[in-house]
Amino acid sequence: MTRRIAHLERTVAAHRRLLAEEEPERLLQVALEAITSFLDADRGFALLREPDGRPRLRAVHNVDLETVRAPPSAPCVASRTRRCARASRS
């Protein structure tokens, strides 16, 4: 029961932060922070698809930007980016 209450408290806190955010550009960042918290993830990033279909990095949480923006020769980042881009098209 205590775990459920803690989850509800985190949900309410995230909801309040989202509602309080007035800057549209910051809203995705606040949402990403809430999601990583809910998932107990150490870090995360959000890619949004541009009108031309290419993914664009829009928000990061506890991620080294140089790692995410590394050229496609970085296999870990490149494969995750392609996988995310394919998933967003379906």
Protein backbone atom coordinates (compact mmCIF):
# COMPACT_ATOMS: atom_id res chain seq x y z
CA MET A 1 0.00 0.00 0.00
CA THR A 2 2.86 2.40 0.81
CA ARG A 3 4.36 1.87 -2.66
CA ARG A 4 1.03 2.69 -4.27
CA ILE A 5 0.72 5.88 -2.22
CA ALA A 6 4.27 6.90 -3.19
CA HIS A 7 3.40 6.30 -6.85
CA LEU A 8 0.26 8.42 -6.54
CA GLU A 9 2.21 11.20 -4.84
CA ARG A 10 4.76 11.19 -7.68
CA THR A 11 1.93 11.27 -10.21
CA VAL A 12 0.30 14.27 -8.53
CA ALA A 13 3.64 16.08 -8.27
CA ALA A 14 4.36 15.47 -11.97
CA HIS A 15 0.87 16.63 -12.88
CA ARG A 16 1.39 19.85 -10.94
CA ARG A 17 4.76 20.50 -12.61
CA LEU A 18 3.23 19.95 -16.06
CA LEU A 19 0.30 22.24 -15.34
CA ALA A 20 2.55 24.94 -13.91
CA GLU A 21 4.85 25.02 -16.94
CA GLU A 22 4.02 28.00 -19.12
CA GLU A 23 6.77 27.66 -21.72
CA PRO A 24 5.86 25.19 -24.49
CA GLU A 25 9.53 24.44 -25.16
CA ARG A 26 10.06 23.40 -21.52
CA LEU A 27 6.95 21.22 -21.39
CA LEU A 28 8.61 18.29 -23.14
CA GLN A 29 11.59 18.52 -20.77
CA VAL A 30 9.31 18.45 -17.71
CA ALA A 31 7.38 15.50 -19.17
CA LEU A 32 10.61 13.61 -19.89
CA GLU A 33 11.82 14.16 -16.33
CA ALA A 34 8.51 12.79 -14.99
CA ILE A 35 8.67 9.76 -17.29
CA THR A 36 12.23 8.87 -16.32
CA SER A 37 11.22 9.18 -12.68
CA PHE A 38 8.21 6.88 -13.13
CA LEU A 39 10.36 4.32 -14.93
CA ASP A 40 13.16 4.62 -12.36
CA ALA A 41 15.44 5.31 -15.31
CA ASP A 42 18.78 7.01 -14.88
CA ARG A 43 18.50 8.99 -18.09
CA GLY A 44 16.45 9.49 -21.19
CA PHE A 45 15.99 11.53 -24.31
CA ALA A 46 13.10 12.44 -26.58
CA LEU A 47 13.25 12.43 -30.34
CA LEU A 48 10.44 14.06 -32.29
CA ARG A 49 9.95 13.59 -35.99
CA GLU A 50 10.36 16.65 -38.16
CA PRO A 51 7.91 17.34 -41.03
CA ASP A 52 10.47 15.78 -43.41
CA GLY A 53 10.42 12.56 -41.36
CA ARG A 54 13.85 12.89 -39.77
CA PRO A 55 14.11 12.50 -35.99
CA ARG A 56 15.24 15.54 -34.01
CA LEU A 57 16.54 15.55 -30.46
CA ARG A 58 14.16 17.72 -28.45
CA ALA A 59 14.78 16.91 -24.78
CA VAL A 60 17.38 15.14 -22.64
CA HIS A 61 17.54 14.11 -19.00
CA ASN A 62 20.89 13.16 -17.43
CA VAL A 63 22.40 12.44 -20.85
CA ASP A 64 25.67 13.74 -22.20
CA LEU A 65 24.62 15.68 -25.30
CA GLU A 66 27.87 14.80 -27.07
CA THR A 67 27.00 11.10 -26.75
CA VAL A 68 23.51 11.58 -28.18
CA ARG A 69 24.71 13.85 -30.97
CA ALA A 70 27.60 11.54 -31.87
CA PRO A 71 27.96 10.70 -35.55
CA PRO A 72 26.24 7.53 -36.78
CA SER A 73 29.54 5.69 -36.39
CA ALA A 74 28.71 5.41 -32.68
CA PRO A 75 26.84 2.08 -32.92
CA CYS A 76 24.91 2.28 -29.66
CA VAL A 77 23.44 5.72 -30.27
CA ALA A 78 22.95 5.15 -33.99
CA SER A 79 21.03 1.89 -33.56
CA ARG A 80 18.79 3.36 -30.86
CA THR A 81 18.09 6.44 -32.96
CA ARG A 82 17.15 4.33 -35.99
CA ARG A 83 14.98 2.06 -33.84
CA CYS A 84 13.18 5.08 -32.32
CA ALA A 85 12.69 6.64 -35.74
CA ARG A 86 11.22 3.41 -37.15
CA ALA A 87 8.89 3.02 -34.16
CA SER A 88 7.59 6.57 -34.53
CA ARG A 89 6.60 5.90 -38.14
CA SER A 90 4.41 2.92 -37.28
